[in-house]
C-alpha atoms as a PDB file:
ATOM      1  CA  UNK A   1      73.675  85.563 113.590  1.00  0.00           C
ATOM      2  CA  UNK A   2      74.635  86.743 116.914  1.00  0.00           C
ATOM      3  CA  UNK A   3      77.082  89.681 117.908  1.00  0.00           C
ATOM      4  CA  UNK A   4      79.010  90.397 120.802  1.00  0.00           C
ATOM      5  CA  UNK A   5      81.680  93.066 121.694  1.00  0.00           C
ATOM      6  CA  UNK A   6      85.019  92.063 120.816  1.00  0.00           C
ATOM      7  CA  UNK A   7      87.459  90.955 123.312  1.00  0.00           C
ATOM      8  CA  UNK A   8      89.001  93.878 124.993  1.00  0.00           C
ATOM      9  CA  UNK A   9      86.304  96.245 123.690  1.00  0.00           C
ATOM     10  CA  UNK A  10      84.155  97.620 126.995  1.00  0.00           C
ATOM     11  CA  UNK A  11      80.754  99.742 126.130  1.00  0.00           C
ATOM     12  CA  UNK A  12      79.843 102.733 128.550  1.00  0.00           C
ATOM     13  CA  UNK A  13      76.394 104.479 128.363  1.00  0.00           C
ATOM     14  CA  UNK A  14      76.025 107.983 128.869  1.00  0.00           C
ATOM     15  CA  UNK A  15      73.389 110.784 128.643  1.00  0.00           C
ATOM     16  CA  UNK A  16      73.449 111.107 124.690  1.00  0.00           C
ATOM     17  CA  UNK A  17      74.341 107.803 123.402  1.00  0.00           C
ATOM     18  CA  UNK A  18      76.884 105.267 124.048  1.00  0.00           C
ATOM     19  CA  UNK A  19      80.750 105.028 124.562  1.00  0.00           C
ATOM     20  CA  UNK A  20      82.782 102.271 122.812  1.00  0.00           C
ATOM     21  CA  UNK A  21      86.621 101.760 124.082  1.00  0.00           C
ATOM     22  CA  UNK A  22      88.850  99.338 122.496  1.00  0.00           C
ATOM     23  CA  UNK A  23      91.090  98.592 124.894  1.00  0.00           C
ATOM     24  CA  UNK A  24      93.671  97.101 122.752  1.00  0.00           C
ATOM     25  CA  UNK A  25      94.305 100.121 120.540  1.00  0.00           C
ATOM     26  CA  UNK A  26      93.134 102.905 122.830  1.00  0.00           C
ATOM     27  CA  UNK A  27      90.877 103.802 120.158  1.00  0.00           C
ATOM     28  CA  UNK A  28      86.971 104.739 121.176  1.00  0.00           C
ATOM     29  CA  UNK A  29      83.742 105.449 119.236  1.00  0.00           C
ATOM     30  CA  UNK A  30      80.903 107.649 120.052  1.00  0.00           C
ATOM     31  CA  UNK A  31      77.635 106.311 119.511  1.00  0.00           C
ATOM     32  CA  UNK A  32      74.214 109.084 119.447  1.00  0.00           C
ATOM     33  CA  UNK A  33      70.961 107.747 121.024  1.00  0.00           C
ATOM     34  CA  UNK A  34      70.156 106.229 117.507  1.00  0.00           C
ATOM     35  CA  UNK A  35      73.266 104.217 117.267  1.00  0.00           C
ATOM     36  CA  UNK A  36      73.260 103.115 120.949  1.00  0.00           C
ATOM     37  CA  UNK A  37      69.721 101.908 120.427  1.00  0.00           C
ATOM     38  CA  UNK A  38      70.779  99.699 117.056  1.00  0.00           C
ATOM     39  CA  UNK A  39      73.670  98.360 119.226  1.00  0.00           C
ATOM     40  CA  UNK A  40      72.010  97.533 121.992  1.00  0.00           C
ATOM     41  CA  UNK A  41      69.401  95.564 120.248  1.00  0.00           C
ATOM     42  CA  UNK A  42      72.191  93.598 118.157  1.00  0.00           C
ATOM     43  CA  UNK A  43      73.762  92.659 121.292  1.00  0.00           C
ATOM     44  CA  UNK A  44      70.321  91.558 122.637  1.00  0.00           C
ATOM     45  CA  UNK A  45      70.058  88.894 119.872  1.00  0.00           C
ATOM     46  CA  UNK A  46      67.966  90.741 117.557  1.00  0.00           C
ATOM     47  CA  UNK A  47      68.959  90.290 113.609  1.00  0.00           C
ATOM     48  CA  UNK A  48      69.527  93.588 111.737  1.00  0.00           C
ATOM     49  CA  UNK A  49      65.817  93.154 110.280  1.00  0.00           C
ATOM     50  CA  UNK A  50      64.374  93.118 113.561  1.00  0.00           C
ATOM     51  CA  UNK A  51      66.616  95.947 114.872  1.00  0.00           C
ATOM     52  CA  UNK A  52      65.684  98.292 111.889  1.00  0.00           C
ATOM     53  CA  UNK A  53      61.607  97.418 113.037  1.00  0.00           C
ATOM     54  CA  UNK A  54      62.556  98.498 116.430  1.00  0.00           C
ATOM     55  CA  UNK A  55      64.405 101.536 115.662  1.00  0.00           C
ATOM     56  CA  UNK A  56      61.220 102.519 113.653  1.00  0.00           C
ATOM     57  CA  UNK A  57      59.102 101.974 116.535  1.00  0.00           C
ATOM     58  CA  UNK A  58      61.193 104.311 118.579  1.00  0.00           C
ATOM     59  CA  UNK A  59      61.996 106.604 116.100  1.00  0.00           C
ATOM     60  CA  UNK A  60      59.217 107.074 113.540  1.00  0.00           C
ATOM     61  CA  UNK A  61      60.908 109.793 111.463  1.00  0.00           C
ATOM     62  CA  UNK A  62      63.611 107.006 110.769  1.00  0.00           C
ATOM     63  CA  UNK A  63      60.890 105.449 108.027  1.00  0.00           C
ATOM     64  CA  UNK A  64      62.649 104.484 105.048  1.00  0.00           C
ATOM     65  CA  UNK A  65      66.070 104.974 106.270  1.00  0.00           C
ATOM     66  CA  UNK A  66      66.214 102.464 109.427  1.00  0.00           C
ATOM     67  CA  UNK A  67      67.441  99.513 107.309  1.00  0.00           C
ATOM     68  CA  UNK A  68      70.194 101.499 105.839  1.00  0.00           C
ATOM     69  CA  UNK A  69      71.159 102.926 109.452  1.00  0.00           C
ATOM     70  CA  UNK A  70      71.433  99.600 110.994  1.00  0.00           C
ATOM     71  CA  UNK A  71      73.317  97.962 107.764  1.00  0.00           C
ATOM     72  CA  UNK A  72      75.385 101.428 108.045  1.00  0.00           C
ATOM     73  CA  UNK A  73      76.345 101.130 111.472  1.00  0.00           C
ATOM     74  CA  UNK A  74      77.037  97.352 111.383  1.00  0.00           C
ATOM     75  CA  UNK A  75      79.435  97.635 108.296  1.00  0.00           C
ATOM     76  CA  UNK A  76      81.642 100.607 110.598  1.00  0.00           C
ATOM     77  CA  UNK A  77      81.666  98.212 113.705  1.00  0.00           C
ATOM     78  CA  UNK A  78      82.547  95.202 111.747  1.00  0.00           C
ATOM     79  CA  UNK A  79      85.207  97.490 109.897  1.00  0.00           C
ATOM     80  CA  UNK A  80      86.488  98.850 113.272  1.00  0.00           C
ATOM     81  CA  UNK A  81      86.840  95.299 114.500  1.00  0.00           C
ATOM     82  CA  UNK A  82      84.737  96.231 117.818  1.00  0.00           C
ATOM     83  CA  UNK A  83      82.058  93.829 117.406  1.00  0.00           C
ATOM     84  CA  UNK A  84      82.451  89.785 116.790  1.00  0.00           C
ATOM     85  CA  UNK A  85      79.862  87.346 114.941  1.00  0.00           C
END
């Protein structure tokens, strides 16, 4: 499963995470550092399961919640139609 930003969606990194702008609607989303890691991993070709493992490696306090965080963000990104698969 490969993920990409939907056409018309741009990404900008900030010191606190990442901002997504949907140029079609003018809406934007701010992702914290954890969300930014998840999005980058998915865009770099990792599966949701691999992304959860990467998240645990960077944020050990997420143990037991990493998979839920990845799936929750992925569901939200899909619902907002800012990623394509």
